[in-house]
């Protein structure tokens, strides 16, 4: 009997404040949509780091004929200097950090250059004899780049040492900024949702002040009186949370899995399965936000 009465009161409250309930649903939907987008973006960054950091290389570029670097004072790298570099890479000092070494001569560098810029104005712009030779070093731990850089930065015959991690770090920094922006917008929208839920609960309590007064007179507990109001906010926020998860699933299915994944087939992007993974988190955030906001509001504005 008590349970059915609570449900009846909750339904009446939702029906009386339908416009405010719809507003709560929409604000919760938008705010948790940004929260979910930020979570998916972080999952994508983590996956991309695992993919790219496992494939990045350190490039030890040898001196070309016309280099002005101090280590290239004798001109183009000689066979003896190349041998010294290879010996160092295979030596006891560096071998624990080096997983594989590939020597890229001028012919290979020219072939890769042609493939990379095929069909552009740069194709064929540099003759083969002017290509720069290099050693492509795959590290056992991609974060140990500085060891290679410090070892060869002053080595005769080496013009410069380039780590692809530096380029990736810049990309991931931009993506992290995007995540922070999404979280910031989500925080603002969540604050709006909390304030709107508080207003809705306060109006609902005000419109039923006579009923709650009678319930107090007959000895109803505070929890029994407050529960219908709390359920109103929780139900509205739960609907908004589920809509946010559904919206993310639609965006990911058609925009990422359906289109972007075909353009970037080399590595996996986030999928609907990832949305399903974070959906309970979104619902939990929405329900907790609504429940706590409702309880705080009732304590402040209802004298029970």
C-alpha atoms as a PDB file:
ATOM      1  CA  UNK A   1       0.000   0.000   0.000  1.00  0.00           C
ATOM      2  CA  UNK A   2       2.747   2.434   0.937  1.00  0.00           C
ATOM      3  CA  UNK A   3       4.731   1.604  -2.186  1.00  0.00           C
ATOM      4  CA  UNK A   4       1.751   2.174  -4.474  1.00  0.00           C
ATOM      5  CA  UNK A   5       1.026   5.468  -2.714  1.00  0.00           C
ATOM      6  CA  UNK A   6       4.621   6.645  -3.237  1.00  0.00           C
ATOM      7  CA  UNK A   7       4.453   5.719  -6.927  1.00  0.00           C
ATOM      8  CA  UNK A   8       1.114   7.524  -7.248  1.00  0.00           C
ATOM      9  CA  UNK A   9       2.521  10.661  -5.658  1.00  0.00           C
ATOM     10  CA  UNK A  10       5.602  10.492  -7.864  1.00  0.00           C
ATOM     11  CA  UNK A  11       3.480  10.193 -11.003  1.00  0.00           C
ATOM     12  CA  UNK A  12       1.276  13.098  -9.938  1.00  0.00           C
ATOM     13  CA  UNK A  13       4.366  15.235  -9.363  1.00  0.00           C
ATOM     14  CA  UNK A  14       5.777  14.377 -12.781  1.00  0.00           C
ATOM     15  CA  UNK A  15       2.462  15.127 -14.444  1.00  0.00           C
ATOM     16  CA  UNK A  16       1.962  18.458 -12.705  1.00  0.00           C
ATOM     17  CA  UNK A  17       5.456  19.726 -13.548  1.00  0.00           C
ATOM     18  CA  UNK A  18       5.792  18.169 -16.989  1.00  0.00           C
ATOM     19  CA  UNK A  19       7.447  21.193 -18.592  1.00  0.00           C
ATOM     20  CA  UNK A  20      10.094  21.374 -15.857  1.00  0.00           C
ATOM     21  CA  UNK A  21      10.633  17.607 -16.027  1.00  0.00           C
ATOM     22  CA  UNK A  22      11.232  17.835 -19.765  1.00  0.00           C
ATOM     23  CA  UNK A  23      13.723  20.631 -19.113  1.00  0.00           C
ATOM     24  CA  UNK A  24      15.569  18.464 -16.577  1.00  0.00           C
ATOM     25  CA  UNK A  25      15.668  15.593 -19.062  1.00  0.00           C
ATOM     26  CA  UNK A  26      17.085  17.811 -21.817  1.00  0.00           C
ATOM     27  CA  UNK A  27      19.704  19.491 -19.630  1.00  0.00           C
ATOM     28  CA  UNK A  28      20.794  16.134 -18.206  1.00  0.00           C
ATOM     29  CA  UNK A  29      20.922  14.704 -21.714  1.00  0.00           C
ATOM     30  CA  UNK A  30      23.186  17.481 -23.023  1.00  0.00           C
ATOM     31  CA  UNK A  31      25.471  17.537 -19.978  1.00  0.00           C
ATOM     32  CA  UNK A  32      25.984  13.768 -19.881  1.00  0.00           C
ATOM     33  CA  UNK A  33      26.439  13.738 -23.642  1.00  0.00           C
ATOM     34  CA  UNK A  34      29.541  15.882 -23.115  1.00  0.00           C
ATOM     35  CA  UNK A  35      30.642  13.700 -20.183  1.00  0.00           C
ATOM     36  CA  UNK A  36      30.323  10.606 -22.367  1.00  0.00           C
ATOM     37  CA  UNK A  37      32.129  12.287 -25.254  1.00  0.00           C
ATOM     38  CA  UNK A  38      35.016  13.178 -22.933  1.00  0.00           C
ATOM     39  CA  UNK A  39      35.181   9.588 -21.652  1.00  0.00           C
ATOM     40  CA  UNK A  40      35.164   8.172 -25.189  1.00  0.00           C
ATOM     41  CA  UNK A  41      37.843  10.637 -26.260  1.00  0.00           C
ATOM     42  CA  UNK A  42      40.086   9.532 -23.407  1.00  0.00           C
ATOM     43  CA  UNK A  43      39.491   5.892 -24.332  1.00  0.00           C
ATOM     44  CA  UNK A  44      40.454   6.727 -27.917  1.00  0.00           C
ATOM     45  CA  UNK A  45      43.608   8.549 -26.807  1.00  0.00           C
ATOM     46  CA  UNK A  46      44.615   5.571 -24.689  1.00  0.00           C
ATOM     47  CA  UNK A  47      44.064   3.192 -27.589  1.00  0.00           C
ATOM     48  CA  UNK A  48      45.989   5.396 -30.018  1.00  0.00           C
ATOM     49  CA  UNK A  49      48.893   5.677 -27.600  1.00  0.00           C
ATOM     50  CA  UNK A  50      49.092   1.906 -27.303  1.00  0.00           C
ATOM     51  CA  UNK A  51      49.009   1.606 -31.109  1.00  0.00           C
ATOM     52  CA  UNK A  52      51.428   4.360 -32.090  1.00  0.00           C
ATOM     53  CA  UNK A  53      53.933   4.149 -29.261  1.00  0.00           C
ATOM     54  CA  UNK A  54      54.424   0.498 -30.149  1.00  0.00           C
ATOM     55  CA  UNK A  55      55.335   1.511 -33.713  1.00  0.00           C
ATOM     56  CA  UNK A  56      57.284   4.751 -33.404  1.00  0.00           C
ATOM     57  CA  UNK A  57      60.968   4.854 -34.214  1.00  0.00           C
ATOM     58  CA  UNK A  58      63.936   7.055 -33.445  1.00  0.00           C
ATOM     59  CA  UNK A  59      65.563   8.294 -36.650  1.00  0.00           C
ATOM     60  CA  UNK A  60      69.319   8.926 -36.606  1.00  0.00           C
ATOM     61  CA  UNK A  61      69.870  11.096 -39.678  1.00  0.00           C
ATOM     62  CA  UNK A  62      73.382  10.949 -41.126  1.00  0.00           C
ATOM     63  CA  UNK A  63      75.245  13.961 -42.437  1.00  0.00           C
ATOM     64  CA  UNK A  64      74.427  14.949 -46.057  1.00  0.00           C
ATOM     65  CA  UNK A  65      77.143  16.595 -48.199  1.00  0.00           C
ATOM     66  CA  UNK A  66      76.064  20.207 -47.541  1.00  0.00           C
ATOM     67  CA  UNK A  67      75.133  20.068 -43.825  1.00  0.00           C
ATOM     68  CA  UNK A  68      76.232  22.922 -41.546  1.00  0.00           C
ATOM     69  CA  UNK A  69      75.878  20.912 -38.315  1.00  0.00           C
ATOM     70  CA  UNK A  70      79.031  20.856 -36.121  1.00  0.00           C
ATOM     71  CA  UNK A  71      79.111  17.058 -36.269  1.00  0.00           C
ATOM     72  CA  UNK A  72      79.190  17.220 -40.087  1.00  0.00           C
ATOM     73  CA  UNK A  73      82.381  19.271 -40.421  1.00  0.00           C
ATOM     74  CA  UNK A  74      84.024  16.561 -42.532  1.00  0.00           C
ATOM     75  CA  UNK A  75      81.079  16.442 -44.971  1.00  0.00           C
ATOM     76  CA  UNK A  76      78.918  13.463 -45.800  1.00  0.00           C
ATOM     77  CA  UNK A  77      78.966  10.558 -43.332  1.00  0.00           C
ATOM     78  CA  UNK A  78      81.726   8.107 -44.182  1.00  0.00           C
ATOM     79  CA  UNK A  79      81.613   4.325 -44.139  1.00  0.00           C
ATOM     80  CA  UNK A  80      83.799   4.330 -41.035  1.00  0.00           C
ATOM     81  CA  UNK A  81      81.412   6.661 -39.181  1.00  0.00           C
ATOM     82  CA  UNK A  82      78.453   4.455 -40.165  1.00  0.00           C
ATOM     83  CA  UNK A  83      80.269   1.420 -38.826  1.00  0.00           C
ATOM     84  CA  UNK A  84      80.906   3.205 -35.532  1.00  0.00           C
ATOM     85  CA  UNK A  85      77.207   4.047 -35.224  1.00  0.00           C
ATOM     86  CA  UNK A  86      76.182   0.450 -35.942  1.00  0.00           C
ATOM     87  CA  UNK A  87      78.709  -0.847 -33.432  1.00  0.00           C
ATOM     88  CA  UNK A  88      77.366   1.532 -30.785  1.00  0.00           C
ATOM     89  CA  UNK A  89      73.762   0.475 -31.419  1.00  0.00           C
ATOM     90  CA  UNK A  90      74.721  -3.179 -31.059  1.00  0.00           C
ATOM     91  CA  UNK A  91      77.031  -2.577 -28.085  1.00  0.00           C
ATOM     92  CA  UNK A  92      76.417  -3.399 -24.459  1.00  0.00           C
ATOM     93  CA  UNK A  93      75.461   0.183 -23.551  1.00  0.00           C
ATOM     94  CA  UNK A  94      72.515   0.507 -25.964  1.00  0.00           C
ATOM     95  CA  UNK A  95      71.469  -3.057 -26.813  1.00  0.00           C
ATOM     96  CA  UNK A  96      69.166  -3.341 -23.750  1.00  0.00           C
ATOM     97  CA  UNK A  97      67.173  -0.375 -25.074  1.00  0.00           C
ATOM     98  CA  UNK A  98      67.217  -1.216 -28.798  1.00  0.00           C
ATOM     99  CA  UNK A  99      64.785  -3.749 -30.209  1.00  0.00           C
ATOM    100  CA  UNK A 100      65.547  -3.410 -33.926  1.00  0.00           C
ATOM    101  CA  UNK A 101      67.648  -1.271 -36.285  1.00  0.00           C
ATOM    102  CA  UNK A 102      67.001  -0.651 -39.992  1.00  0.00           C
ATOM    103  CA  UNK A 103      69.465   1.219 -42.194  1.00  0.00           C
ATOM    104  CA  UNK A 104      67.687   3.402 -44.742  1.00  0.00           C
ATOM    105  CA  UNK A 105      70.037   4.165 -47.638  1.00  0.00           C
ATOM    106  CA  UNK A 106      69.485   6.765 -50.328  1.00  0.00           C
ATOM    107  CA  UNK A 107      67.675   4.353 -52.652  1.00  0.00           C
ATOM    108  CA  UNK A 108      65.223   3.272 -49.944  1.00  0.00           C
ATOM    109  CA  UNK A 109      64.730   6.870 -48.757  1.00  0.00           C
ATOM    110  CA  UNK A 110      64.034   7.962 -52.343  1.00  0.00           C
ATOM    111  CA  UNK A 111      61.518   5.145 -52.860  1.00  0.00           C
ATOM    112  CA  UNK A 112      59.655   6.016 -49.643  1.00  0.00           C
ATOM    113  CA  UNK A 113      59.700   9.702 -50.569  1.00  0.00           C
ATOM    114  CA  UNK A 114      58.179   8.969 -53.963  1.00  0.00           C
ATOM    115  CA  UNK A 115      55.472   6.776 -52.438  1.00  0.00           C
ATOM    116  CA  UNK A 116      54.607   9.349 -49.802  1.00  0.00           C
ATOM    117  CA  UNK A 117      54.307  12.292 -52.199  1.00  0.00           C
ATOM    118  CA  UNK A 118      53.019  10.433 -55.242  1.00  0.00           C
ATOM    119  CA  UNK A 119      50.708  12.615 -57.293  1.00  0.00           C
ATOM    120  CA  UNK A 120      51.845  15.858 -55.629  1.00  0.00           C
ATOM    121  CA  UNK A 121      54.132  18.656 -56.769  1.00  0.00           C
ATOM    122  CA  UNK A 122      56.895  17.258 -54.534  1.00  0.00           C
ATOM    123  CA  UNK A 123      57.085  13.980 -56.424  1.00  0.00           C
ATOM    124  CA  UNK A 124      60.476  13.774 -58.114  1.00  0.00           C
ATOM    125  CA  UNK A 125      61.562  17.148 -56.732  1.00  0.00           C
ATOM    126  CA  UNK A 126      64.615  15.684 -54.957  1.00  0.00           C
ATOM    127  CA  UNK A 127      67.048  13.418 -56.849  1.00  0.00           C
ATOM    128  CA  UNK A 128      68.097  10.140 -55.306  1.00  0.00           C
ATOM    129  CA  UNK A 129      71.707  11.180 -54.707  1.00  0.00           C
ATOM    130  CA  UNK A 130      70.536  14.056 -52.476  1.00  0.00           C
ATOM    131  CA  UNK A 131      68.410  11.892 -50.178  1.00  0.00           C
ATOM    132  CA  UNK A 132      69.540  11.619 -46.576  1.00  0.00           C
ATOM    133  CA  UNK A 133      70.568   8.275 -45.136  1.00  0.00           C
ATOM    134  CA  UNK A 134      69.411   7.299 -41.658  1.00  0.00           C
ATOM    135  CA  UNK A 135      69.165   4.551 -39.081  1.00  0.00           C
ATOM    136  CA  UNK A 136      65.610   3.747 -37.954  1.00  0.00           C
ATOM    137  CA  UNK A 137      65.794   2.505 -34.364  1.00  0.00           C
ATOM    138  CA  UNK A 138      62.858   0.758 -32.719  1.00  0.00           C
ATOM    139  CA  UNK A 139      63.176   0.965 -28.946  1.00  0.00           C
ATOM    140  CA  UNK A 140      62.146  -1.685 -26.450  1.00  0.00           C
ATOM    141  CA  UNK A 141      60.623   1.170 -24.434  1.00  0.00           C
ATOM    142  CA  UNK A 142      59.487   4.178 -26.481  1.00  0.00           C
ATOM    143  CA  UNK A 143      59.988   6.485 -23.491  1.00  0.00           C
ATOM    144  CA  UNK A 144      63.748   5.854 -23.506  1.00  0.00           C
ATOM    145  CA  UNK A 145      64.308   8.158 -26.473  1.00  0.00           C
ATOM    146  CA  UNK A 146      66.575  10.535 -24.544  1.00  0.00           C
ATOM    147  CA  UNK A 147      69.169   7.789 -24.100  1.00  0.00           C
ATOM    148  CA  UNK A 148      69.595   7.485 -27.880  1.00  0.00           C
ATOM    149  CA  UNK A 149      69.474  11.244 -28.346  1.00  0.00           C
ATOM    150  CA  UNK A 150      72.161  11.949 -25.745  1.00  0.00           C
ATOM    151  CA  UNK A 151      74.384   9.152 -27.020  1.00  0.00           C
ATOM    152  CA  UNK A 152      74.429  10.282 -30.661  1.00  0.00           C
ATOM    153  CA  UNK A 153      73.787  14.042 -30.439  1.00  0.00           C
ATOM    154  CA  UNK A 154      77.515  14.777 -30.630  1.00  0.00           C
ATOM    155  CA  UNK A 155      78.596  11.777 -32.713  1.00  0.00           C
ATOM    156  CA  UNK A 156      80.564  12.621 -35.896  1.00  0.00           C
ATOM    157  CA  UNK A 157      78.534  11.754 -38.978  1.00  0.00           C
ATOM    158  CA  UNK A 158      75.160  12.273 -37.254  1.00  0.00           C
ATOM    159  CA  UNK A 159      73.327  15.450 -38.231  1.00  0.00           C
ATOM    160  CA  UNK A 160      70.341  15.062 -35.868  1.00  0.00           C
ATOM    161  CA  UNK A 161      68.292  12.554 -33.921  1.00  0.00           C
ATOM    162  CA  UNK A 162      64.517  12.766 -34.360  1.00  0.00           C
ATOM    163  CA  UNK A 163      61.979  11.031 -32.154  1.00  0.00           C
ATOM    164  CA  UNK A 164      58.512  10.439 -33.612  1.00  0.00           C
ATOM    165  CA  UNK A 165      57.157  10.450 -30.057  1.00  0.00           C
ATOM    166  CA  UNK A 166      57.558  14.236 -30.012  1.00  0.00           C
ATOM    167  CA  UNK A 167      55.104  14.587 -32.899  1.00  0.00           C
ATOM    168  CA  UNK A 168      52.670  12.162 -31.258  1.00  0.00           C
ATOM    169  CA  UNK A 169      52.910  13.985 -27.942  1.00  0.00           C
ATOM    170  CA  UNK A 170      51.828  17.202 -29.667  1.00  0.00           C
ATOM    171  CA  UNK A 171      48.832  15.402 -31.211  1.00  0.00           C
ATOM    172  CA  UNK A 172      47.821  13.836 -27.916  1.00  0.00           C
ATOM    173  CA  UNK A 173      48.240  17.174 -26.138  1.00  0.00           C
ATOM    174  CA  UNK A 174      45.709  18.723 -28.531  1.00  0.00           C
ATOM    175  CA  UNK A 175      43.320  15.832 -27.935  1.00  0.00           C
ATOM    176  CA  UNK A 176      43.741  16.206 -24.173  1.00  0.00           C
ATOM    177  CA  UNK A 177      42.851  19.895 -24.484  1.00  0.00           C
ATOM    178  CA  UNK A 178      39.720  18.888 -26.404  1.00  0.00           C
ATOM    179  CA  UNK A 179      38.871  16.466 -23.596  1.00  0.00           C
ATOM    180  CA  UNK A 180      39.346  19.215 -21.009  1.00  0.00           C
ATOM    181  CA  UNK A 181      37.038  21.526 -22.987  1.00  0.00           C
ATOM    182  CA  UNK A 182      34.386  18.796 -23.176  1.00  0.00           C
ATOM    183  CA  UNK A 183      34.682  18.194 -19.428  1.00  0.00           C
ATOM    184  CA  UNK A 184      34.416  21.929 -18.761  1.00  0.00           C
ATOM    185  CA  UNK A 185      31.242  22.241 -20.842  1.00  0.00           C
ATOM    186  CA  UNK A 186      29.875  19.104 -19.186  1.00  0.00           C
ATOM    187  CA  UNK A 187      30.574  20.585 -15.746  1.00  0.00           C
ATOM    188  CA  UNK A 188      28.682  23.779 -16.594  1.00  0.00           C
ATOM    189  CA  UNK A 189      25.751  21.796 -17.970  1.00  0.00           C
ATOM    190  CA  UNK A 190      25.724  19.509 -14.925  1.00  0.00           C
ATOM    191  CA  UNK A 191      25.555  22.596 -12.688  1.00  0.00           C
ATOM    192  CA  UNK A 192      22.595  23.830 -14.733  1.00  0.00           C
ATOM    193  CA  UNK A 193      20.958  20.428 -14.355  1.00  0.00           C
ATOM    194  CA  UNK A 194      21.461  20.468 -10.571  1.00  0.00           C
ATOM    195  CA  UNK A 195      19.935  23.952 -10.283  1.00  0.00           C
ATOM    196  CA  UNK A 196      17.024  22.993 -12.524  1.00  0.00           C
ATOM    197  CA  UNK A 197      16.352  19.805 -10.550  1.00  0.00           C
ATOM    198  CA  UNK A 198      16.397  21.821  -7.321  1.00  0.00           C
ATOM    199  CA  UNK A 199      13.912  24.299  -8.777  1.00  0.00           C
ATOM    200  CA  UNK A 200      11.644  21.507  -9.997  1.00  0.00           C
ATOM    201  CA  UNK A 201      11.645  19.777  -6.628  1.00  0.00           C
ATOM    202  CA  UNK A 202      11.022  23.029  -4.796  1.00  0.00           C
ATOM    203  CA  UNK A 203       8.028  23.875  -7.007  1.00  0.00           C
ATOM    204  CA  UNK A 204       6.653  20.377  -6.652  1.00  0.00           C
ATOM    205  CA  UNK A 205       6.968  20.541  -2.862  1.00  0.00           C
ATOM    206  CA  UNK A 206       5.314  23.966  -2.807  1.00  0.00           C
ATOM    207  CA  UNK A 207       2.360  22.791  -4.910  1.00  0.00           C
ATOM    208  CA  UNK A 208       1.789  19.859  -2.530  1.00  0.00           C
ATOM    209  CA  UNK A 209       2.417  21.651   0.748  1.00  0.00           C
ATOM    210  CA  UNK A 210      -1.137  20.889   1.949  1.00  0.00           C
ATOM    211  CA  UNK A 211      -0.746  17.149   1.368  1.00  0.00           C
ATOM    212  CA  UNK A 212       2.645  17.040   3.065  1.00  0.00           C
ATOM    213  CA  UNK A 213       1.236  18.992   6.008  1.00  0.00           C
ATOM    214  CA  UNK A 214      -1.523  16.427   6.481  1.00  0.00           C
ATOM    215  CA  UNK A 215       1.028  13.597   6.222  1.00  0.00           C
ATOM    216  CA  UNK A 216       3.102  15.200   8.973  1.00  0.00           C
ATOM    217  CA  UNK A 217       0.032  15.459  11.209  1.00  0.00           C
ATOM    218  CA  UNK A 218      -0.744  11.747  10.856  1.00  0.00           C
ATOM    219  CA  UNK A 219       2.830  10.830  11.782  1.00  0.00           C
ATOM    220  CA  UNK A 220       4.402  10.039   8.379  1.00  0.00           C
ATOM    221  CA  UNK A 221       8.198   9.812   8.489  1.00  0.00           C
ATOM    222  CA  UNK A 222      10.451  12.300   6.758  1.00  0.00           C
ATOM    223  CA  UNK A 223      11.654   9.635   4.328  1.00  0.00           C
ATOM    224  CA  UNK A 224       8.101   8.672   3.401  1.00  0.00           C
ATOM    225  CA  UNK A 225       7.224  12.308   2.667  1.00  0.00           C
ATOM    226  CA  UNK A 226      10.406  13.114   0.766  1.00  0.00           C
ATOM    227  CA  UNK A 227      10.738   9.931  -1.292  1.00  0.00           C
ATOM    228  CA  UNK A 228       8.177  10.851  -4.035  1.00  0.00           C
ATOM    229  CA  UNK A 229       9.967  14.163  -4.633  1.00  0.00           C
ATOM    230  CA  UNK A 230      13.366  12.452  -4.806  1.00  0.00           C
ATOM    231  CA  UNK A 231      12.003   9.875  -7.251  1.00  0.00           C
ATOM    232  CA  UNK A 232      10.736  12.666  -9.512  1.00  0.00           C
ATOM    233  CA  UNK A 233      14.229  14.072  -9.938  1.00  0.00           C
ATOM    234  CA  UNK A 234      15.846  10.654 -10.197  1.00  0.00           C
ATOM    235  CA  UNK A 235      13.423   9.448 -12.886  1.00  0.00           C
ATOM    236  CA  UNK A 236      13.867  12.600 -14.977  1.00  0.00           C
ATOM    237  CA  UNK A 237      17.670  12.426 -14.684  1.00  0.00           C
ATOM    238  CA  UNK A 238      17.699   8.689 -15.465  1.00  0.00           C
ATOM    239  CA  UNK A 239      15.711   9.300 -18.651  1.00  0.00           C
ATOM    240  CA  UNK A 240      18.138  12.065 -19.655  1.00  0.00           C
ATOM    241  CA  UNK A 241      21.104   9.772 -18.901  1.00  0.00           C
ATOM    242  CA  UNK A 242      19.693   6.957 -21.033  1.00  0.00           C
ATOM    243  CA  UNK A 243      19.017   9.406 -23.863  1.00  0.00           C
ATOM    244  CA  UNK A 244      22.635  10.626 -23.612  1.00  0.00           C
ATOM    245  CA  UNK A 245      23.921   7.053 -23.884  1.00  0.00           C
ATOM    246  CA  UNK A 246      21.587   6.393 -26.812  1.00  0.00           C
ATOM    247  CA  UNK A 247      22.699   9.615 -28.519  1.00  0.00           C
ATOM    248  CA  UNK A 248      26.358   8.673 -28.123  1.00  0.00           C
ATOM    249  CA  UNK A 249      25.642   5.204 -29.520  1.00  0.00           C
ATOM    250  CA  UNK A 250      23.959   6.704 -32.600  1.00  0.00           C
ATOM    251  CA  UNK A 251      26.812   9.187 -33.158  1.00  0.00           C
ATOM    252  CA  UNK A 252      29.471   6.492 -32.766  1.00  0.00           C
ATOM    253  CA  UNK A 253      27.633   3.950 -34.921  1.00  0.00           C
ATOM    254  CA  UNK A 254      26.995   6.241 -37.889  1.00  0.00           C
ATOM    255  CA  UNK A 255      29.756   8.843 -37.536  1.00  0.00           C
ATOM    256  CA  UNK A 256      32.736   6.836 -36.288  1.00  0.00           C
ATOM    257  CA  UNK A 257      32.172   3.128 -36.928  1.00  0.00           C
ATOM    258  CA  UNK A 258      30.177   3.717 -40.094  1.00  0.00           C
ATOM    259  CA  UNK A 259      32.322   6.449 -41.723  1.00  0.00           C
ATOM    260  CA  UNK A 260      35.521   7.458 -39.938  1.00  0.00           C
ATOM    261  CA  UNK A 261      36.705   3.896 -39.305  1.00  0.00           C
ATOM    262  CA  UNK A 262      36.782   3.251 -43.073  1.00  0.00           C
ATOM    263  CA  UNK A 263      38.997   6.316 -43.525  1.00  0.00           C
ATOM    264  CA  UNK A 264      41.387   5.258 -40.745  1.00  0.00           C
ATOM    265  CA  UNK A 265      41.531   1.508 -41.182  1.00  0.00           C
ATOM    266  CA  UNK A 266      45.048   1.176 -39.728  1.00  0.00           C
ATOM    267  CA  UNK A 267      43.872   1.219 -36.110  1.00  0.00           C
ATOM    268  CA  UNK A 268      40.629   0.711 -34.197  1.00  0.00           C
ATOM    269  CA  UNK A 269      38.422   3.600 -33.174  1.00  0.00           C
ATOM    270  CA  UNK A 270      35.882   3.639 -30.368  1.00  0.00           C
ATOM    271  CA  UNK A 271      32.756   1.612 -31.066  1.00  0.00           C
ATOM    272  CA  UNK A 272      29.224   1.135 -29.762  1.00  0.00           C
ATOM    273  CA  UNK A 273      30.644  -1.497 -27.394  1.00  0.00           C
ATOM    274  CA  UNK A 274      32.613   1.285 -25.684  1.00  0.00           C
ATOM    275  CA  UNK A 275      29.427   3.336 -25.354  1.00  0.00           C
ATOM    276  CA  UNK A 276      27.717   0.340 -23.734  1.00  0.00           C
ATOM    277  CA  UNK A 277      30.685   0.143 -21.365  1.00  0.00           C
ATOM    278  CA  UNK A 278      30.322   3.742 -20.154  1.00  0.00           C
ATOM    279  CA  UNK A 279      26.494   3.848 -20.245  1.00  0.00           C
ATOM    280  CA  UNK A 280      26.101   2.571 -16.628  1.00  0.00           C
ATOM    281  CA  UNK A 281      28.536   5.274 -15.506  1.00  0.00           C
ATOM    282  CA  UNK A 282      26.435   7.963 -17.197  1.00  0.00           C
ATOM    283  CA  UNK A 283      23.232   6.667 -15.613  1.00  0.00           C
ATOM    284  CA  UNK A 284      24.932   6.476 -12.208  1.00  0.00           C
ATOM    285  CA  UNK A 285      26.161  10.075 -12.510  1.00  0.00           C
ATOM    286  CA  UNK A 286      22.705  11.276 -13.505  1.00  0.00           C
ATOM    287  CA  UNK A 287      20.916   9.395 -10.732  1.00  0.00           C
ATOM    288  CA  UNK A 288      23.384  10.470  -8.015  1.00  0.00           C
ATOM    289  CA  UNK A 289      23.274  14.071  -9.207  1.00  0.00           C
ATOM    290  CA  UNK A 290      19.465  14.127  -9.116  1.00  0.00           C
ATOM    291  CA  UNK A 291      19.172  12.245  -5.823  1.00  0.00           C
ATOM    292  CA  UNK A 292      21.658  14.410  -3.933  1.00  0.00           C
ATOM    293  CA  UNK A 293      20.258  17.622  -5.404  1.00  0.00           C
ATOM    294  CA  UNK A 294      16.723  16.603  -4.447  1.00  0.00           C
ATOM    295  CA  UNK A 295      17.683  15.658  -0.880  1.00  0.00           C
ATOM    296  CA  UNK A 296      19.578  18.893  -0.299  1.00  0.00           C
ATOM    297  CA  UNK A 297      16.687  20.936  -1.678  1.00  0.00           C
ATOM    298  CA  UNK A 298      14.110  19.133   0.464  1.00  0.00           C
ATOM    299  CA  UNK A 299      16.177  19.637   3.614  1.00  0.00           C
ATOM    300  CA  UNK A 300      16.402  23.360   2.919  1.00  0.00           C
ATOM    301  CA  UNK A 301      12.861  24.122   1.724  1.00  0.00           C
ATOM    302  CA  UNK A 302      10.663  21.528   3.414  1.00  0.00           C
ATOM    303  CA  UNK A 303      10.148  21.679   7.167  1.00  0.00           C
ATOM    304  CA  UNK A 304       9.518  18.047   7.886  1.00  0.00           C
END
